[in-house]
Amino acid sequence: MGTVLSRRLCEVLGVVFFGLALLWVISLASYSASDPVAFFSTAAGRPGNFGGRAGALLAELAFQVLGFAAYLLVPPPEGDELYRVRVGHYASRTAAQATVDHLEQRLGIKLWVTRSR
């Protein structure tokens, strides 16, 4: 009897953790820095995150805790390597471009500025 219960408990926990992992991936994929999140934002309204308020909070926590690692993407199956690293928010495109120029010179790689929503 005890082994059946422990086996069922493991199965239930596996399903719960799979659901949480799926929510985390969906939340990271639809993350927006402008989403209203408890403790991190003063904005009002509904978040645009597909995970809703819980997803927006989960994604924000991931970026606060993991930093750059939260934005690393797995390379596509064809073998082309694709990675995305977020450096930070800037008041103007000129300030962001100055940082890109500095990093390009220091690291010797091509970088670009994108606009976040």
C-alpha atoms as a PDB file:
ATOM      1  CA  MET A   1       0.000   0.000   0.000  1.00  0.00           C
ATOM      2  CA  GLY A   2       2.816   2.418   0.911  1.00  0.00           C
ATOM      3  CA  THR A   3       4.640   1.922  -2.389  1.00  0.00           C
ATOM      4  CA  VAL A   4       1.475   2.595  -4.403  1.00  0.00           C
ATOM      5  CA  LEU A   5       0.906   5.879  -2.536  1.00  0.00           C
ATOM      6  CA  SER A   6       4.514   6.964  -2.934  1.00  0.00           C
ATOM      7  CA  ARG A   7       4.403   6.113  -6.645  1.00  0.00           C
ATOM      8  CA  ARG A   8       1.208   8.127  -7.094  1.00  0.00           C
ATOM      9  CA  LEU A   9       2.683  11.011  -5.121  1.00  0.00           C
ATOM     10  CA  CYS A  10       5.732  11.009  -7.414  1.00  0.00           C
ATOM     11  CA  GLU A  11       3.463  11.023 -10.472  1.00  0.00           C
ATOM     12  CA  VAL A  12       1.399  13.914  -9.142  1.00  0.00           C
ATOM     13  CA  LEU A  13       4.519  15.890  -8.246  1.00  0.00           C
ATOM     14  CA  GLY A  14       5.930  15.204 -11.705  1.00  0.00           C
ATOM     15  CA  VAL A  15       2.797  16.598 -13.353  1.00  0.00           C
ATOM     16  CA  VAL A  16       2.817  19.651 -11.049  1.00  0.00           C
ATOM     17  CA  PHE A  17       6.497  20.402 -11.770  1.00  0.00           C
ATOM     18  CA  PHE A  18       5.958  19.915 -15.503  1.00  0.00           C
ATOM     19  CA  GLY A  19       3.070  22.408 -15.371  1.00  0.00           C
ATOM     20  CA  LEU A  20       5.207  24.924 -13.469  1.00  0.00           C
ATOM     21  CA  ALA A  21       8.064  24.505 -15.957  1.00  0.00           C
ATOM     22  CA  LEU A  22       5.649  25.036 -18.846  1.00  0.00           C
ATOM     23  CA  LEU A  23       4.265  28.182 -17.175  1.00  0.00           C
ATOM     24  CA  TRP A  24       7.835  29.433 -16.677  1.00  0.00           C
ATOM     25  CA  VAL A  25       8.746  28.937 -20.354  1.00  0.00           C
ATOM     26  CA  ILE A  26       5.541  30.630 -21.537  1.00  0.00           C
ATOM     27  CA  SER A  27       6.092  33.478 -19.072  1.00  0.00           C
ATOM     28  CA  LEU A  28       9.686  34.025 -20.206  1.00  0.00           C
ATOM     29  CA  ALA A  29       8.687  33.911 -23.869  1.00  0.00           C
ATOM     30  CA  SER A  30       6.032  36.606 -23.385  1.00  0.00           C
ATOM     31  CA  TYR A  31       7.979  38.739 -20.894  1.00  0.00           C
ATOM     32  CA  SER A  32       7.689  42.499 -21.149  1.00  0.00           C
ATOM     33  CA  ALA A  33       9.443  44.909 -18.820  1.00  0.00           C
ATOM     34  CA  SER A  34       6.374  47.158 -18.902  1.00  0.00           C
ATOM     35  CA  ASP A  35       4.060  44.530 -17.384  1.00  0.00           C
ATOM     36  CA  PRO A  36       2.607  45.565 -14.025  1.00  0.00           C
ATOM     37  CA  VAL A  37       4.101  43.221 -11.437  1.00  0.00           C
ATOM     38  CA  ALA A  38       3.603  43.254  -7.669  1.00  0.00           C
ATOM     39  CA  PHE A  39       6.682  44.456  -5.764  1.00  0.00           C
ATOM     40  CA  PHE A  40       8.576  45.499  -8.939  1.00  0.00           C
ATOM     41  CA  SER A  41       6.326  47.953 -10.754  1.00  0.00           C
ATOM     42  CA  THR A  42       3.973  50.811 -10.056  1.00  0.00           C
ATOM     43  CA  ALA A  43       2.125  50.438 -13.378  1.00  0.00           C
ATOM     44  CA  ALA A  44      -1.562  49.608 -13.364  1.00  0.00           C
ATOM     45  CA  GLY A  45      -3.622  47.472 -15.691  1.00  0.00           C
ATOM     46  CA  ARG A  46      -3.458  43.956 -17.050  1.00  0.00           C
ATOM     47  CA  PRO A  47      -0.112  42.401 -17.928  1.00  0.00           C
ATOM     48  CA  GLY A  48       0.498  41.381 -21.533  1.00  0.00           C
ATOM     49  CA  ASN A  49       2.200  38.194 -20.350  1.00  0.00           C
ATOM     50  CA  PHE A  50       0.513  34.988 -21.529  1.00  0.00           C
ATOM     51  CA  GLY A  51       0.865  33.614 -18.007  1.00  0.00           C
ATOM     52  CA  GLY A  52      -1.218  36.477 -16.611  1.00  0.00           C
ATOM     53  CA  ARG A  53      -0.209  38.160 -13.356  1.00  0.00           C
ATOM     54  CA  ALA A  54       1.449  34.983 -12.051  1.00  0.00           C
ATOM     55  CA  GLY A  55       3.423  34.625 -15.287  1.00  0.00           C
ATOM     56  CA  ALA A  56       4.497  38.260 -15.261  1.00  0.00           C
ATOM     57  CA  LEU A  57       5.695  37.905 -11.669  1.00  0.00           C
ATOM     58  CA  LEU A  58       7.468  34.617 -12.425  1.00  0.00           C
ATOM     59  CA  ALA A  59       9.238  36.081 -15.468  1.00  0.00           C
ATOM     60  CA  GLU A  60      10.233  39.237 -13.578  1.00  0.00           C
ATOM     61  CA  LEU A  61      11.627  37.151 -10.707  1.00  0.00           C
ATOM     62  CA  ALA A  62      13.583  35.028 -13.195  1.00  0.00           C
ATOM     63  CA  PHE A  63      15.156  38.121 -14.744  1.00  0.00           C
ATOM     64  CA  GLN A  64      15.864  39.670 -11.338  1.00  0.00           C
ATOM     65  CA  VAL A  65      17.516  36.485 -10.028  1.00  0.00           C
ATOM     66  CA  LEU A  66      19.137  35.033 -13.156  1.00  0.00           C
ATOM     67  CA  GLY A  67      19.963  38.265 -14.964  1.00  0.00           C
ATOM     68  CA  PHE A  68      21.507  37.660 -18.387  1.00  0.00           C
ATOM     69  CA  ALA A  69      21.068  33.891 -18.144  1.00  0.00           C
ATOM     70  CA  ALA A  70      17.281  34.257 -18.283  1.00  0.00           C
ATOM     71  CA  TYR A  71      17.550  35.541 -21.871  1.00  0.00           C
ATOM     72  CA  LEU A  72      19.813  32.860 -23.302  1.00  0.00           C
ATOM     73  CA  LEU A  73      18.084  30.910 -26.024  1.00  0.00           C
ATOM     74  CA  VAL A  74      18.832  27.383 -27.173  1.00  0.00           C
ATOM     75  CA  PRO A  75      20.302  27.209 -30.708  1.00  0.00           C
ATOM     76  CA  PRO A  76      17.840  26.155 -33.409  1.00  0.00           C
ATOM     77  CA  PRO A  77      18.007  22.509 -34.550  1.00  0.00           C
ATOM     78  CA  GLU A  78      19.526  23.462 -37.929  1.00  0.00           C
ATOM     79  CA  GLY A  79      22.778  24.327 -36.159  1.00  0.00           C
ATOM     80  CA  ASP A  80      22.562  28.113 -36.496  1.00  0.00           C
ATOM     81  CA  GLU A  81      23.523  29.640 -33.203  1.00  0.00           C
ATOM     82  CA  LEU A  82      21.213  32.294 -31.814  1.00  0.00           C
ATOM     83  CA  TYR A  83      21.619  33.908 -28.417  1.00  0.00           C
ATOM     84  CA  ARG A  84      19.982  36.981 -26.936  1.00  0.00           C
ATOM     85  CA  VAL A  85      21.433  38.916 -24.037  1.00  0.00           C
ATOM     86  CA  ARG A  86      19.746  41.914 -22.477  1.00  0.00           C
ATOM     87  CA  VAL A  87      22.185  44.497 -21.160  1.00  0.00           C
ATOM     88  CA  GLY A  88      19.816  47.064 -19.678  1.00  0.00           C
ATOM     89  CA  HIS A  89      17.384  49.914 -20.146  1.00  0.00           C
ATOM     90  CA  TYR A  90      18.581  53.334 -21.308  1.00  0.00           C
ATOM     91  CA  ALA A  91      16.930  56.731 -21.324  1.00  0.00           C
ATOM     92  CA  SER A  92      17.708  57.276 -25.007  1.00  0.00           C
ATOM     93  CA  ARG A  93      18.825  55.399 -28.082  1.00  0.00           C
ATOM     94  CA  THR A  94      22.012  57.496 -28.109  1.00  0.00           C
ATOM     95  CA  ALA A  95      22.965  56.300 -24.618  1.00  0.00           C
ATOM     96  CA  ALA A  96      22.267  52.695 -25.597  1.00  0.00           C
ATOM     97  CA  GLN A  97      24.307  53.066 -28.793  1.00  0.00           C
ATOM     98  CA  ALA A  98      27.256  54.450 -26.793  1.00  0.00           C
ATOM     99  CA  THR A  99      27.231  51.295 -24.658  1.00  0.00           C
ATOM    100  CA  VAL A 100      26.999  49.113 -27.774  1.00  0.00           C
ATOM    101  CA  ASP A 101      29.965  50.929 -29.328  1.00  0.00           C
ATOM    102  CA  HIS A 102      32.015  50.432 -26.173  1.00  0.00           C
ATOM    103  CA  LEU A 103      31.156  46.725 -25.951  1.00  0.00           C
ATOM    104  CA  GLU A 104      31.830  46.145 -29.661  1.00  0.00           C
ATOM    105  CA  GLN A 105      35.256  47.709 -29.317  1.00  0.00           C
ATOM    106  CA  ARG A 106      36.045  45.774 -26.146  1.00  0.00           C
ATOM    107  CA  LEU A 107      34.657  42.374 -27.178  1.00  0.00           C
ATOM    108  CA  GLY A 108      35.215  42.498 -30.928  1.00  0.00           C
ATOM    109  CA  ILE A 109      31.707  41.320 -31.802  1.00  0.00           C
ATOM    110  CA  LYS A 110      28.781  42.917 -33.636  1.00  0.00           C
ATOM    111  CA  LEU A 111      25.989  44.174 -31.363  1.00  0.00           C
ATOM    112  CA  TRP A 112      22.863  46.232 -32.001  1.00  0.00           C
ATOM    113  CA  VAL A 113      20.262  48.251 -30.175  1.00  0.00           C
ATOM    114  CA  THR A 114      16.654  47.088 -30.078  1.00  0.00           C
ATOM    115  CA  ARG A 115      13.635  48.876 -28.728  1.00  0.00           C
ATOM    116  CA  SER A 116      11.722  47.158 -25.947  1.00  0.00           C
ATOM    117  CA  ARG A 117       7.978  47.533 -25.592  1.00  0.00           C
END
